[in-house]
């Protein structure tokens, strides 16, 4: 089992809250660091303010690495030293690896206690790195942690992991890590939070206590604690994913969906929805919007009668997840646009792909993934069970081809990144039915007797069967007919509806269509 090291992130909370969240997000989302490290920010641990220092030190004692960020302010005193300075002394006493990062140049004016703290670091012989912005901070922290893990524990990232990390850091927006005070933890959608944390931790939802839920949301950069108070607030990422209406804070957090009668947009779509809510649920509602505005022919495949979609639903879902995860959130004036036409579906997301990804790379499937919003990308990959680090566009292409359709088209239009899914047109016969959705697979078919196969052929064509039909057509007794039908019910192929002599049997997955 992979050993996971707890990294205690120490700083003056209020002054360096942005930097703390950025480091938390880096460690939690980096493909290499997240496999070996867990960030620990003390204010996220439940404790009363008057016991802050005791709680800090107790939490620090459970960690294997001490990471210090110093700015201008010295921080709240506890005795003769600040809380941060006291934490440093404990880390030194416990002989923990100490990584220090200083914000600003050597000439910057700092509080007297901070200057003394820096002199002590130099006397103690600890080297520290300086940074001017959060991009520099992420690069320095990752480099230091990678070196530490390699030197002390013999763990090193692959060249692919290093490249993905470099590209993601350079592309990362600071939007999602904003520590806002607009929405309290208690006012978020805890049902969605429970689904997300349970999926991320591979646990059952009912196993999560309230404390587990809060800790899980904090660990993933969705919640932060206001210094000096007992209140927990949503970060920008937390608002996007868990707020009951994120558009109340960020108007751009909506999906505008239109379904048109013709092949071009017009002023009177036949269906329209302004979809708002926690973005994982918005994605589900957008998929449902496509479902109700596209065709679903019934196909008879062997002994199966299958309702198929006009488009592969997982390809559509992946495009919507990508639109939410990788859009440019700084553009507050534009929303994600979903357009359903008779011959195609288009998903448009504000912002172009982050460098170094290009349209040519995407079209060839020859690129390494990086994300503008790694926290959102990671959380949505948990929630929707989509592999975050793989090639989503290769998967969408394969799903479309396996569905019998042309591959999706990738392009841009007036600052939007667009994915277009070409439809089957009038030729619905070109839609393929994958064996994975067949109710009666070849392996099941060989277990059935000839009467049961005849029964299922009839159900596949007509949609249902009765005991009377079996008796008359197959020339068998009521008991034999009933026994064969009950066996098909036990195999989860048929479902009975009604009672007594009025009972009918339908395919299990087609109940909603009957």
Protein backbone atom coordinates (compact mmCIF):
# COMPACT_ATOMS: atom_id res chain seq x y z
CA UNK A 1 0.00 0.00 0.00
CA UNK A 2 1.31 3.47 -0.91
CA UNK A 3 2.42 5.50 2.11
CA UNK A 4 0.77 8.91 2.32
CA UNK A 5 2.66 11.72 4.06
CA UNK A 6 0.78 14.48 5.88
CA UNK A 7 2.10 17.95 5.09
CA UNK A 8 1.36 20.64 7.68
CA UNK A 9 0.91 23.98 5.88
CA UNK A 10 1.78 26.83 8.26
CA UNK A 11 1.36 30.58 7.78
CA UNK A 12 -0.41 33.63 9.11
CA UNK A 13 -3.90 32.59 8.13
CA UNK A 14 -5.63 35.82 7.20
CA UNK A 15 -2.72 37.36 5.30
CA UNK A 16 -1.86 34.29 3.23
CA UNK A 17 -5.21 32.55 2.81
CA UNK A 18 -4.96 32.56 -1.00
CA UNK A 19 -1.51 31.00 -0.89
CA UNK A 20 -2.62 28.35 1.60
CA UNK A 21 -5.54 27.29 -0.58
CA UNK A 22 -3.36 27.27 -3.68
CA UNK A 23 -0.90 24.92 -1.96
CA UNK A 24 -3.73 22.73 -0.72
CA UNK A 25 -5.15 22.51 -4.24
CA UNK A 26 -1.73 21.82 -5.76
CA UNK A 27 -1.00 18.90 -3.42
CA UNK A 28 -4.54 17.53 -3.72
CA UNK A 29 -4.75 17.62 -7.54
CA UNK A 30 -1.18 17.06 -8.76
CA UNK A 31 -1.05 13.50 -10.23
CA UNK A 32 2.18 12.64 -8.37
CA UNK A 33 1.85 14.58 -5.13
CA UNK A 34 -1.76 13.56 -4.53
CA UNK A 35 -0.73 9.89 -4.57
CA UNK A 36 1.81 10.39 -1.79
CA UNK A 37 0.82 13.49 0.19
CA UNK A 38 -2.14 14.97 2.05
CA UNK A 39 -2.17 18.70 2.86
CA UNK A 40 -3.17 19.65 6.42
CA UNK A 41 -4.33 23.20 7.17
CA UNK A 42 -4.94 23.46 10.88
CA UNK A 43 -7.88 25.84 10.80
CA UNK A 44 -9.77 23.11 9.00
CA UNK A 45 -9.46 20.90 12.08
CA UNK A 46 -12.36 21.41 14.55
CA UNK A 47 -11.19 23.21 17.69
CA UNK A 48 -12.30 26.12 19.85
CA UNK A 49 -10.35 29.37 19.34
CA UNK A 50 -9.02 29.46 22.95
CA UNK A 51 -7.32 26.11 22.39
CA UNK A 52 -5.85 27.07 19.03
CA UNK A 53 -2.18 26.54 19.87
CA UNK A 54 -2.80 23.19 21.58
CA UNK A 55 -4.79 22.04 18.57
CA UNK A 56 -2.14 23.32 16.15
CA UNK A 57 0.65 21.43 17.86
CA UNK A 58 -1.38 18.26 18.26
CA UNK A 59 -2.20 18.30 14.56
CA UNK A 60 1.42 19.09 13.65
CA UNK A 61 2.57 16.08 15.68
CA UNK A 62 0.56 13.84 13.35
CA UNK A 63 2.35 15.18 10.24
CA UNK A 64 5.58 14.12 8.55
CA UNK A 65 6.48 17.36 6.73
CA UNK A 66 6.33 21.02 7.83
CA UNK A 67 5.71 23.58 5.06
CA UNK A 68 6.03 27.24 6.08
CA UNK A 69 4.89 30.31 4.15
CA UNK A 70 6.00 33.74 5.44
CA UNK A 71 4.74 37.13 4.28
CA UNK A 72 4.77 40.52 6.00
CA UNK A 73 2.70 39.90 9.13
CA UNK A 74 4.00 38.06 12.19
CA UNK A 75 0.62 36.82 13.36
CA UNK A 76 -1.23 36.28 16.62
CA UNK A 77 0.94 35.89 19.70
CA UNK A 78 0.77 32.94 22.06
CA UNK A 79 3.16 33.82 24.85
CA UNK A 80 6.34 35.40 23.47
CA UNK A 81 5.98 34.01 19.95
CA UNK A 82 3.32 33.94 17.27
CA UNK A 83 1.36 30.74 16.61
CA UNK A 84 3.27 30.19 13.35
CA UNK A 85 6.65 30.73 15.05
CA UNK A 86 5.66 28.30 17.81
CA UNK A 87 4.69 25.71 15.19
CA UNK A 88 8.12 26.11 13.60
CA UNK A 89 9.83 25.44 16.93
CA UNK A 90 7.80 22.25 17.41
CA UNK A 91 8.65 21.06 13.88
CA UNK A 92 12.32 21.70 14.55
CA UNK A 93 12.19 19.85 17.90
CA UNK A 94 10.51 16.89 16.21
CA UNK A 95 13.17 16.98 13.47
CA UNK A 96 10.56 17.17 10.72
CA UNK A 97 11.66 18.11 7.20
CA UNK A 98 11.06 21.88 6.99
CA UNK A 99 10.28 23.62 3.70
CA UNK A 100 10.07 27.44 3.86
CA UNK A 101 8.77 29.89 1.25
CA UNK A 102 9.02 33.66 1.59
CA UNK A 103 6.66 36.02 -0.25
CA UNK A 104 8.37 39.07 -1.74
CA UNK A 105 11.95 40.29 -2.07
CA UNK A 106 14.56 40.63 0.68
CA UNK A 107 14.07 44.42 0.67
CA UNK A 108 10.34 44.23 1.47
CA UNK A 109 9.29 45.93 4.73
CA UNK A 110 8.02 43.33 7.21
CA UNK A 111 6.85 43.40 10.80
CA UNK A 112 9.58 43.24 13.44
CA UNK A 113 8.61 39.75 14.57
CA UNK A 114 8.70 38.50 10.98
CA UNK A 115 12.22 39.88 10.45
CA UNK A 116 13.36 38.10 13.62
CA UNK A 117 11.69 34.89 12.43
CA UNK A 118 13.57 35.06 9.10
CA UNK A 119 16.90 35.66 10.85
CA UNK A 120 16.25 32.61 13.01
CA UNK A 121 15.59 30.49 9.92
CA UNK A 122 18.95 31.57 8.48
CA UNK A 123 20.79 30.85 11.75
CA UNK A 124 19.19 27.42 11.94
CA UNK A 125 20.54 26.73 8.47
CA UNK A 126 17.24 26.24 6.66
CA UNK A 127 17.23 27.31 3.03
CA UNK A 128 14.10 29.01 1.85
CA UNK A 129 12.70 29.94 -1.56
CA UNK A 130 11.23 33.29 -2.48
CA UNK A 131 8.15 33.76 -4.66
CA UNK A 132 6.31 36.74 -6.13
CA UNK A 133 3.00 35.18 -7.21
CA UNK A 134 1.00 32.00 -6.84
CA UNK A 135 2.40 30.49 -10.06
CA UNK A 136 5.95 30.84 -8.73
CA UNK A 137 4.81 29.49 -5.36
CA UNK A 138 3.31 26.36 -6.90
CA UNK A 139 6.45 25.69 -8.94
CA UNK A 140 8.74 26.15 -5.93
CA UNK A 141 6.57 24.03 -3.62
CA UNK A 142 6.25 21.18 -6.09
CA UNK A 143 9.98 21.18 -6.81
CA UNK A 144 10.75 21.10 -3.08
CA UNK A 145 8.27 18.32 -2.33
CA UNK A 146 9.42 16.21 -5.27
CA UNK A 147 13.05 16.56 -4.12
CA UNK A 148 12.10 15.71 -0.53
CA UNK A 149 10.13 12.61 -1.50
CA UNK A 150 12.97 11.43 -3.73
CA UNK A 151 15.82 12.12 -1.29
CA UNK A 152 14.17 10.83 1.89
CA UNK A 153 11.70 8.25 0.70
CA UNK A 154 12.96 7.13 -2.72
CA UNK A 155 9.76 8.20 -4.53
CA UNK A 156 9.99 10.03 -7.85
CA UNK A 157 7.45 11.19 -10.45
CA UNK A 158 7.44 9.97 -14.02
CA UNK A 159 8.35 12.32 -16.85
CA UNK A 160 4.67 12.36 -17.85
CA UNK A 161 3.64 13.41 -14.32
CA UNK A 162 6.22 16.18 -14.32
CA UNK A 163 5.06 17.48 -17.70
CA UNK A 164 1.38 17.39 -16.72
CA UNK A 165 2.19 19.23 -13.48
CA UNK A 166 4.22 21.92 -15.27
CA UNK A 167 1.52 22.54 -17.85
CA UNK A 168 -1.28 22.55 -15.28
CA UNK A 169 0.51 25.03 -13.01
CA UNK A 170 1.12 27.40 -15.93
CA UNK A 171 -2.49 27.10 -17.09
CA UNK A 172 -4.11 27.29 -13.65
CA UNK A 173 -6.58 30.07 -12.99
CA UNK A 174 -6.74 31.55 -9.49
CA UNK A 175 -10.53 31.74 -9.76
CA UNK A 176 -11.43 28.50 -8.01
CA UNK A 177 -9.20 29.08 -4.97
CA UNK A 178 -10.74 32.40 -3.93
CA UNK A 179 -11.61 32.30 -0.19
CA UNK A 180 -14.95 34.11 -0.40
CA UNK A 181 -17.33 34.96 2.45
CA UNK A 182 -20.52 34.85 0.40
CA UNK A 183 -21.94 31.41 1.26
CA UNK A 184 -21.59 29.47 4.50
CA UNK A 185 -20.93 25.74 4.60
CA UNK A 186 -24.30 25.15 6.26
CA UNK A 187 -26.10 26.79 3.31
CA UNK A 188 -24.56 24.54 0.64
CA UNK A 189 -26.26 21.47 -0.83
CA UNK A 190 -25.01 18.79 1.56
CA UNK A 191 -26.66 16.01 -0.42
CA UNK A 192 -24.50 16.85 -3.42
CA UNK A 193 -21.46 17.25 -1.15
CA UNK A 194 -22.13 13.80 0.34
CA UNK A 195 -22.34 12.22 -3.12
CA UNK A 196 -19.11 13.89 -4.19
CA UNK A 197 -17.07 13.04 -1.08
CA UNK A 198 -18.36 9.45 -1.00
CA UNK A 199 -17.38 8.96 -4.65
CA UNK A 200 -13.97 10.57 -4.10
CA UNK A 201 -13.20 8.40 -1.06
CA UNK A 202 -14.87 5.25 -2.41
CA UNK A 203 -17.19 5.09 0.59
CA UNK A 204 -20.92 4.69 1.04
CA UNK A 205 -22.80 7.95 1.52
CA UNK A 206 -24.44 6.84 4.76
CA UNK A 207 -21.01 6.04 6.23
CA UNK A 208 -20.00 9.72 6.21
CA UNK A 209 -20.51 11.62 9.45
CA UNK A 210 -21.00 15.40 9.42
CA UNK A 211 -17.35 15.78 10.42
CA UNK A 212 -16.25 13.43 7.60
CA UNK A 213 -18.29 15.44 5.13
CA UNK A 214 -16.78 18.76 6.22
CA UNK A 215 -13.25 17.34 6.25
CA UNK A 216 -13.73 15.82 2.78
CA UNK A 217 -14.97 19.10 1.33
CA UNK A 218 -12.09 20.99 2.96
CA UNK A 219 -9.45 18.56 1.76
CA UNK A 220 -10.60 19.11 -1.81
CA UNK A 221 -10.42 22.90 -1.64
CA UNK A 222 -14.19 23.52 -1.52
CA UNK A 223 -14.38 24.97 2.01
CA UNK A 224 -12.19 27.25 4.11
CA UNK A 225 -12.34 28.46 7.70
CA UNK A 226 -12.43 32.15 8.48
CA UNK A 227 -9.50 32.96 10.83
CA UNK A 228 -10.62 34.11 14.26
CA UNK A 229 -14.12 32.69 13.90
CA UNK A 230 -15.82 29.34 13.89
CA UNK A 231 -17.46 29.90 10.49
CA UNK A 232 -16.75 27.79 7.42
CA UNK A 233 -17.26 29.30 3.97
CA UNK A 234 -17.27 28.00 0.41
CA UNK A 235 -14.36 28.81 -1.86
CA UNK A 236 -15.22 29.79 -5.43
CA UNK A 237 -14.89 26.11 -6.43
CA UNK A 238 -17.18 25.14 -3.56
CA UNK A 239 -19.79 27.63 -4.75
CA UNK A 240 -19.65 26.32 -8.31
CA UNK A 241 -20.02 22.69 -7.24
CA UNK A 242 -22.16 22.82 -4.11
CA UNK A 243 -24.16 26.07 -3.92
CA UNK A 244 -27.88 25.66 -4.48
CA UNK A 245 -27.68 28.43 -7.10
CA UNK A 246 -24.07 29.34 -7.95
CA UNK A 247 -25.32 31.97 -10.44
CA UNK A 248 -26.44 34.12 -7.48
CA UNK A 249 -22.71 34.73 -6.86
CA UNK A 250 -21.27 33.98 -10.29
CA UNK A 251 -23.81 34.80 -13.05
CA UNK A 252 -21.73 32.79 -15.54
CA UNK A 253 -22.49 29.51 -13.70
CA UNK A 254 -25.44 28.48 -15.87
CA UNK A 255 -26.12 26.38 -18.93
CA UNK A 256 -28.37 27.98 -21.53
CA UNK A 257 -30.04 25.15 -23.44
CA UNK A 258 -32.06 25.52 -26.65
CA UNK A 259 -33.61 22.91 -28.94
CA UNK A 260 -34.41 24.13 -32.46
CA UNK A 261 -36.84 22.87 -35.10
CA UNK A 262 -34.49 23.64 -37.99
CA UNK A 263 -30.79 23.28 -38.67
CA UNK A 264 -30.04 26.93 -37.73
CA UNK A 265 -30.76 28.94 -34.55
CA UNK A 266 -33.94 31.01 -34.54
CA UNK A 267 -35.78 33.21 -32.10
CA UNK A 268 -38.36 30.59 -31.14
CA UNK A 269 -36.76 27.33 -30.03
CA UNK A 270 -39.19 24.47 -29.45
CA UNK A 271 -37.66 23.88 -26.02
CA UNK A 272 -35.57 26.11 -23.80
CA UNK A 273 -34.10 25.87 -20.31
CA UNK A 274 -31.88 28.14 -18.22
CA UNK A 275 -30.25 25.46 -16.11
CA UNK A 276 -28.99 26.56 -12.68
CA UNK A 277 -27.93 24.73 -9.53
CA UNK A 278 -24.92 22.81 -8.21
CA UNK A 279 -22.97 22.16 -11.37
CA UNK A 280 -22.86 18.34 -11.02
CA UNK A 281 -26.68 18.41 -11.05
CA UNK A 282 -26.71 20.98 -13.85
CA UNK A 283 -24.75 18.51 -15.98
CA UNK A 284 -27.36 15.81 -15.28
CA UNK A 285 -30.19 18.19 -16.21
CA UNK A 286 -28.39 19.19 -19.42
CA UNK A 287 -28.08 15.51 -20.37
CA UNK A 288 -31.81 15.11 -19.62
CA UNK A 289 -32.55 18.15 -21.84
CA UNK A 290 -30.76 16.46 -24.74
CA UNK A 291 -32.56 13.20 -24.02
CA UNK A 292 -36.02 14.74 -24.23
CA UNK A 293 -35.18 16.65 -27.41
CA UNK A 294 -33.65 13.81 -29.40
CA UNK A 295 -35.04 10.59 -30.84
CA UNK A 296 -35.03 7.16 -29.21
CA UNK A 297 -35.88 4.43 -31.72
CA UNK A 298 -36.70 0.91 -30.54
CA UNK A 299 -34.46 -1.77 -32.04
CA UNK A 300 -34.89 -5.52 -32.06
CA UNK A 301 -31.50 -7.18 -31.59
CA UNK A 302 -31.75 -10.95 -31.32
CA UNK A 303 -34.03 -11.61 -28.35
CA UNK A 304 -33.79 -7.99 -27.20
CA UNK A 305 -36.05 -5.02 -27.75
CA UNK A 306 -33.87 -2.02 -26.95
CA UNK A 307 -34.55 1.70 -26.68
CA UNK A 308 -31.47 3.41 -28.07
CA UNK A 309 -30.42 7.01 -27.89
CA UNK A 310 -29.77 9.15 -30.93
CA UNK A 311 -26.37 9.99 -29.41
CA UNK A 312 -24.10 8.13 -26.95
CA UNK A 313 -25.02 9.64 -23.61
CA UNK A 314 -21.56 9.24 -22.07
CA UNK A 315 -19.95 11.24 -24.88
CA UNK A 316 -22.44 14.07 -24.32
CA UNK A 317 -21.89 13.93 -20.56
CA UNK A 318 -18.12 14.09 -21.01
CA UNK A 319 -18.40 17.17 -23.22
CA UNK A 320 -20.58 18.90 -20.60
CA UNK A 321 -18.21 17.93 -17.77
CA UNK A 322 -15.29 19.34 -19.76
CA UNK A 323 -17.22 22.55 -20.43
CA UNK A 324 -17.85 23.08 -16.71
CA UNK A 325 -14.39 21.98 -15.57
CA UNK A 326 -12.21 23.80 -18.09
CA UNK A 327 -14.12 26.96 -19.01
CA UNK A 328 -12.75 30.42 -18.37
CA UNK A 329 -14.61 31.53 -15.24
CA UNK A 330 -13.07 35.00 -15.22
CA UNK A 331 -15.40 35.78 -18.13
CA UNK A 332 -18.48 36.59 -16.05
CA UNK A 333 -20.57 37.69 -19.02
CA UNK A 334 -20.84 34.35 -20.85
CA UNK A 335 -22.47 31.05 -19.99
CA UNK A 336 -22.08 27.54 -21.31
CA UNK A 337 -24.38 27.11 -24.32
CA UNK A 338 -26.08 23.85 -25.28
CA UNK A 339 -27.79 23.69 -28.68
CA UNK A 340 -29.80 20.73 -29.97
CA UNK A 341 -30.59 20.70 -33.70
CA UNK A 342 -32.29 17.97 -35.75
CA UNK A 343 -28.91 16.99 -37.20
CA UNK A 344 -26.39 17.79 -34.44
CA UNK A 345 -25.74 18.76 -30.81
CA UNK A 346 -23.30 21.58 -29.96
CA UNK A 347 -21.70 22.29 -26.56
CA UNK A 348 -19.99 25.72 -26.37
CA UNK A 349 -17.75 26.70 -23.46
CA UNK A 350 -16.33 30.19 -22.83
CA UNK A 351 -12.58 30.39 -23.37
CA UNK A 352 -10.09 28.64 -25.61
CA UNK A 353 -8.01 25.61 -24.51
CA UNK A 354 -5.17 26.59 -22.15
CA UNK A 355 -1.64 26.57 -23.55
CA UNK A 356 0.10 24.43 -24.63
CA UNK A 357 -2.99 22.53 -25.86
CA UNK A 358 -4.02 23.48 -29.39
CA UNK A 359 -6.98 22.55 -31.58
CA UNK A 360 -4.63 20.55 -33.79
CA UNK A 361 -3.48 18.55 -30.75
CA UNK A 362 -7.05 17.92 -29.68
CA UNK A 363 -8.16 16.81 -33.13
CA UNK A 364 -5.27 14.35 -33.38
CA UNK A 365 -5.73 13.18 -29.79
CA UNK A 366 -2.02 13.92 -29.37
CA UNK A 367 -1.77 15.99 -26.21
CA UNK A 368 -1.16 15.73 -22.50
CA UNK A 369 -4.03 16.89 -20.31
CA UNK A 370 -3.83 20.03 -18.24
CA UNK A 371 -6.59 21.98 -16.58
CA UNK A 372 -7.36 25.63 -16.08
CA UNK A 373 -9.42 24.65 -13.01
CA UNK A 374 -7.83 21.50 -11.52
CA UNK A 375 -10.03 21.43 -8.39
CA UNK A 376 -13.23 21.51 -10.43
CA UNK A 377 -11.83 18.99 -12.91
CA UNK A 378 -10.87 16.56 -10.17
CA UNK A 379 -14.14 16.84 -8.26
CA UNK A 380 -16.25 16.41 -11.39
CA UNK A 381 -14.19 13.39 -12.40
CA UNK A 382 -15.09 11.83 -9.04
CA UNK A 383 -18.74 12.79 -9.26
CA UNK A 384 -19.30 11.64 -12.84
CA UNK A 385 -16.85 8.74 -12.75
CA UNK A 386 -14.85 10.17 -15.64
CA UNK A 387 -11.11 9.58 -15.77
CA UNK A 388 -9.65 13.05 -15.23
CA UNK A 389 -6.15 12.36 -16.54
CA UNK A 390 -7.11 10.53 -19.71
CA UNK A 391 -8.03 11.94 -23.09
CA UNK A 392 -11.68 12.90 -22.94
CA UNK A 393 -11.74 13.78 -26.63
CA UNK A 394 -10.39 10.38 -27.63
CA UNK A 395 -13.12 8.76 -25.55
CA UNK A 396 -15.80 10.97 -27.12
CA UNK A 397 -14.53 10.07 -30.58
CA UNK A 398 -14.55 6.34 -29.81
CA UNK A 399 -18.02 6.50 -28.25
CA UNK A 400 -19.44 8.28 -31.30
CA UNK A 401 -17.84 5.82 -33.74
CA UNK A 402 -18.99 2.85 -31.67
CA UNK A 403 -22.50 4.32 -31.79
CA UNK A 404 -22.40 4.30 -35.59
CA UNK A 405 -21.97 8.08 -35.91
CA UNK A 406 -19.25 10.36 -37.21
CA UNK A 407 -16.58 11.57 -34.80
CA UNK A 408 -17.22 14.86 -32.94
CA UNK A 409 -15.93 18.09 -34.46
CA UNK A 410 -13.76 20.43 -32.41
CA UNK A 411 -13.54 24.16 -33.11
CA UNK A 412 -13.94 27.70 -31.84
CA UNK A 413 -16.47 30.45 -32.42
CA UNK A 414 -16.16 34.04 -31.11
CA UNK A 415 -14.14 33.00 -28.08
CA UNK A 416 -16.10 29.84 -27.32
CA UNK A 417 -14.60 26.36 -27.49
CA UNK A 418 -17.10 24.11 -29.28
CA UNK A 419 -17.68 20.39 -29.53
CA UNK A 420 -20.19 19.39 -32.23
CA UNK A 421 -21.75 15.92 -32.28
CA UNK A 422 -23.04 15.04 -35.80
CA UNK A 423 -26.30 13.10 -35.67
CA UNK A 424 -27.60 10.21 -37.82
CA UNK A 425 -29.96 12.45 -39.81
CA UNK A 426 -32.87 10.45 -41.20
CA UNK A 427 -30.89 7.21 -41.19
CA UNK A 428 -31.59 5.91 -37.70
CA UNK A 429 -30.60 2.42 -38.84
CA UNK A 430 -26.94 3.46 -38.69
CA UNK A 431 -27.13 3.66 -34.89
CA UNK A 432 -25.33 0.67 -33.38
CA UNK A 433 -26.34 -1.11 -30.19
CA UNK A 434 -23.37 -2.15 -28.04
CA UNK A 435 -23.62 -5.61 -26.51
CA UNK A 436 -23.11 -4.08 -23.06
CA UNK A 437 -26.68 -2.72 -23.06
CA UNK A 438 -28.32 -5.92 -24.27
CA UNK A 439 -30.60 -7.51 -21.72
CA UNK A 440 -30.22 -10.96 -23.27
CA UNK A 441 -26.56 -11.46 -24.09
CA UNK A 442 -25.30 -14.55 -25.94
CA UNK A 443 -24.11 -15.95 -22.59
CA UNK A 444 -27.63 -15.67 -21.17
CA UNK A 445 -29.31 -16.89 -24.36
CA UNK A 446 -27.59 -20.30 -24.21
CA UNK A 447 -29.17 -20.87 -20.78
CA UNK A 448 -32.73 -20.46 -22.10
CA UNK A 449 -34.99 -23.19 -23.46
CA UNK A 450 -36.62 -22.94 -26.87
CA UNK A 451 -39.99 -21.85 -25.44
CA UNK A 452 -38.35 -18.97 -23.56
CA UNK A 453 -36.54 -17.86 -26.72
CA UNK A 454 -39.86 -17.80 -28.59
CA UNK A 455 -41.41 -15.80 -25.75
CA UNK A 456 -38.62 -13.22 -25.87
CA UNK A 457 -38.80 -12.93 -29.67
CA UNK A 458 -42.50 -12.08 -29.30
CA UNK A 459 -41.79 -9.52 -26.54
CA UNK A 460 -39.03 -7.95 -28.62
CA UNK A 461 -41.46 -7.32 -31.47
CA UNK A 462 -44.68 -6.47 -29.59
CA UNK A 463 -43.36 -5.15 -26.27
CA UNK A 464 -45.23 -7.59 -23.99
CA UNK A 465 -46.50 -11.15 -23.59
CA UNK A 466 -49.27 -12.89 -21.62
CA UNK A 467 -49.71 -16.38 -20.20
CA UNK A 468 -52.57 -16.90 -22.65
CA UNK A 469 -50.36 -16.14 -25.66
CA UNK A 470 -47.80 -18.67 -24.45
CA UNK A 471 -50.47 -21.36 -23.97
CA UNK A 472 -52.05 -20.83 -27.36
CA UNK A 473 -48.96 -20.22 -29.50
CA UNK A 474 -46.58 -22.68 -27.86
CA UNK A 475 -49.29 -25.30 -27.14
CA UNK A 476 -48.37 -25.65 -23.48
CA UNK A 477 -50.30 -25.79 -20.22
CA UNK A 478 -50.89 -22.78 -17.97
CA UNK A 479 -48.48 -24.18 -15.35
CA UNK A 480 -45.70 -24.64 -17.96
CA UNK A 481 -46.29 -21.16 -19.36
CA UNK A 482 -46.26 -19.66 -15.86
CA UNK A 483 -43.08 -21.56 -14.92
CA UNK A 484 -41.21 -20.29 -18.01
CA UNK A 485 -42.36 -16.70 -17.47
CA UNK A 486 -41.47 -16.74 -13.77
CA UNK A 487 -37.99 -18.03 -14.64
CA UNK A 488 -37.50 -15.09 -17.03
CA UNK A 489 -38.59 -12.75 -14.24
CA UNK A 490 -36.07 -14.35 -11.85
CA UNK A 491 -33.36 -13.80 -14.44
CA UNK A 492 -34.24 -10.07 -14.42
CA UNK A 493 -35.23 -10.16 -18.08
CA UNK A 494 -39.00 -9.73 -17.73
CA UNK A 495 -41.12 -7.85 -15.21
CA UNK A 496 -44.76 -8.63 -14.47
CA UNK A 497 -47.39 -5.87 -14.48
CA UNK A 498 -50.96 -6.17 -13.23
CA UNK A 499 -52.46 -9.08 -11.29
CA UNK A 500 -54.49 -12.23 -11.74
CA UNK A 501 -55.44 -13.20 -15.29
CA UNK A 502 -54.78 -9.61 -16.42
CA UNK A 503 -51.03 -9.80 -15.76
CA UNK A 504 -48.68 -9.02 -18.65
CA UNK A 505 -44.91 -9.37 -18.91
CA UNK A 506 -42.60 -6.70 -20.35
CA UNK A 507 -38.84 -6.36 -20.71
CA UNK A 508 -37.36 -5.08 -17.47
CA UNK A 509 -35.59 -2.04 -18.97
CA UNK A 510 -38.63 -1.01 -21.03
CA UNK A 511 -41.08 -0.47 -18.16
CA UNK A 512 -41.04 3.31 -18.66
CA UNK A 513 -41.84 2.86 -22.38
CA UNK A 514 -44.83 0.56 -21.91
